[in-house]
Amino acid sequence: MSEEVLVVASKVKKHIKEKSGMNTSSSVMAALTAIIERECDKAIASAQGEKRKTVMDRDFGG
């Protein structure tokens, strides 16, 4: 796992505040980054499995 945060904290906090009126703990950004890294790794594996050099939206489990 990298030390770099992969989410825009201000946008995440704004979204949570607007949807729920709740505040956001600073530890949320690290947790979301870990989720994003994991999903990106899965998508990379999917693209590689199909012998592509481009990760596409369909590579993200949805």
C-alpha atoms as a PDB file:
ATOM      1  CA  MET A   1       0.000   0.000   0.000  1.00  0.00           C
ATOM      2  CA  SER A   2       1.294   3.445  -0.865  1.00  0.00           C
ATOM      3  CA  GLU A   3       1.544   6.389   1.495  1.00  0.00           C
ATOM      4  CA  GLU A   4      -0.098   8.652  -1.087  1.00  0.00           C
ATOM      5  CA  VAL A   5      -3.788   9.472  -0.617  1.00  0.00           C
ATOM      6  CA  LEU A   6      -5.740   8.688  -3.787  1.00  0.00           C
ATOM      7  CA  VAL A   7      -8.930  10.561  -2.941  1.00  0.00           C
ATOM      8  CA  VAL A   8      -9.780  14.246  -2.830  1.00  0.00           C
ATOM      9  CA  ALA A   9     -10.463  14.692   0.873  1.00  0.00           C
ATOM     10  CA  SER A  10     -12.457  17.911   0.513  1.00  0.00           C
ATOM     11  CA  LYS A  11     -14.836  16.320  -1.985  1.00  0.00           C
ATOM     12  CA  VAL A  12     -15.346  13.199   0.132  1.00  0.00           C
ATOM     13  CA  LYS A  13     -16.006  15.298   3.234  1.00  0.00           C
ATOM     14  CA  LYS A  14     -18.424  17.535   1.320  1.00  0.00           C
ATOM     15  CA  HIS A  15     -20.313  14.532  -0.064  1.00  0.00           C
ATOM     16  CA  ILE A  16     -20.671  12.935   3.364  1.00  0.00           C
ATOM     17  CA  LYS A  17     -21.704  16.237   4.969  1.00  0.00           C
ATOM     18  CA  GLU A  18     -24.314  16.974   2.284  1.00  0.00           C
ATOM     19  CA  LYS A  19     -25.757  13.443   2.348  1.00  0.00           C
ATOM     20  CA  SER A  20     -25.830  12.950   6.098  1.00  0.00           C
ATOM     21  CA  GLY A  21     -24.882  16.095   8.005  1.00  0.00           C
ATOM     22  CA  MET A  22     -22.024  14.063   9.511  1.00  0.00           C
ATOM     23  CA  ASN A  23     -18.375  14.959   9.885  1.00  0.00           C
ATOM     24  CA  THR A  24     -15.616  12.773   8.429  1.00  0.00           C
ATOM     25  CA  SER A  25     -12.711  11.357  10.420  1.00  0.00           C
ATOM     26  CA  SER A  26      -9.258  11.938   8.947  1.00  0.00           C
ATOM     27  CA  SER A  27      -8.665   8.166   8.969  1.00  0.00           C
ATOM     28  CA  VAL A  28     -11.373   7.749   6.310  1.00  0.00           C
ATOM     29  CA  MET A  29      -8.988   8.910   3.560  1.00  0.00           C
ATOM     30  CA  ALA A  30      -6.494   6.128   4.316  1.00  0.00           C
ATOM     31  CA  ALA A  31      -9.304   3.558   4.374  1.00  0.00           C
ATOM     32  CA  LEU A  32     -10.700   4.772   1.039  1.00  0.00           C
ATOM     33  CA  THR A  33      -7.215   4.810  -0.478  1.00  0.00           C
ATOM     34  CA  ALA A  34      -6.744   1.164   0.545  1.00  0.00           C
ATOM     35  CA  ILE A  35     -10.069   0.260  -1.092  1.00  0.00           C
ATOM     36  CA  ILE A  36      -9.158   2.115  -4.293  1.00  0.00           C
ATOM     37  CA  GLU A  37      -5.732   0.460  -4.466  1.00  0.00           C
ATOM     38  CA  ARG A  38      -7.274  -2.991  -3.971  1.00  0.00           C
ATOM     39  CA  GLU A  39      -9.908  -2.407  -6.666  1.00  0.00           C
ATOM     40  CA  CYS A  40      -7.309  -0.998  -9.072  1.00  0.00           C
ATOM     41  CA  ASP A  41      -5.128  -4.077  -8.528  1.00  0.00           C
ATOM     42  CA  LYS A  42      -8.102  -6.321  -9.365  1.00  0.00           C
ATOM     43  CA  ALA A  43      -8.868  -4.264 -12.477  1.00  0.00           C
ATOM     44  CA  ILE A  44      -5.237  -4.465 -13.592  1.00  0.00           C
ATOM     45  CA  ALA A  45      -5.314  -8.242 -13.201  1.00  0.00           C
ATOM     46  CA  SER A  46      -8.537  -8.397 -15.215  1.00  0.00           C
ATOM     47  CA  ALA A  47      -7.040  -6.366 -18.065  1.00  0.00           C
ATOM     48  CA  GLN A  48      -3.868  -8.452 -18.016  1.00  0.00           C
ATOM     49  CA  GLY A  49      -5.972 -11.605 -18.074  1.00  0.00           C
ATOM     50  CA  GLU A  50      -7.527 -10.380 -21.297  1.00  0.00           C
ATOM     51  CA  LYS A  51      -4.079  -9.471 -22.639  1.00  0.00           C
ATOM     52  CA  ARG A  52      -4.891  -5.750 -22.758  1.00  0.00           C
ATOM     53  CA  LYS A  53      -2.604  -2.867 -21.859  1.00  0.00           C
ATOM     54  CA  THR A  54      -5.523  -0.623 -20.970  1.00  0.00           C
ATOM     55  CA  VAL A  55      -7.615  -0.851 -17.814  1.00  0.00           C
ATOM     56  CA  MET A  56     -11.250  -0.220 -18.703  1.00  0.00           C
ATOM     57  CA  ASP A  57     -14.387   0.468 -16.720  1.00  0.00           C
ATOM     58  CA  ARG A  58     -15.518  -3.124 -17.251  1.00  0.00           C
ATOM     59  CA  ASP A  59     -12.441  -4.306 -15.306  1.00  0.00           C
ATOM     60  CA  PHE A  60     -13.943  -2.858 -12.142  1.00  0.00           C
ATOM     61  CA  GLY A  61     -16.210  -5.650 -10.864  1.00  0.00           C
ATOM     62  CA  GLY A  62     -19.474  -3.867 -11.697  1.00  0.00           C
END
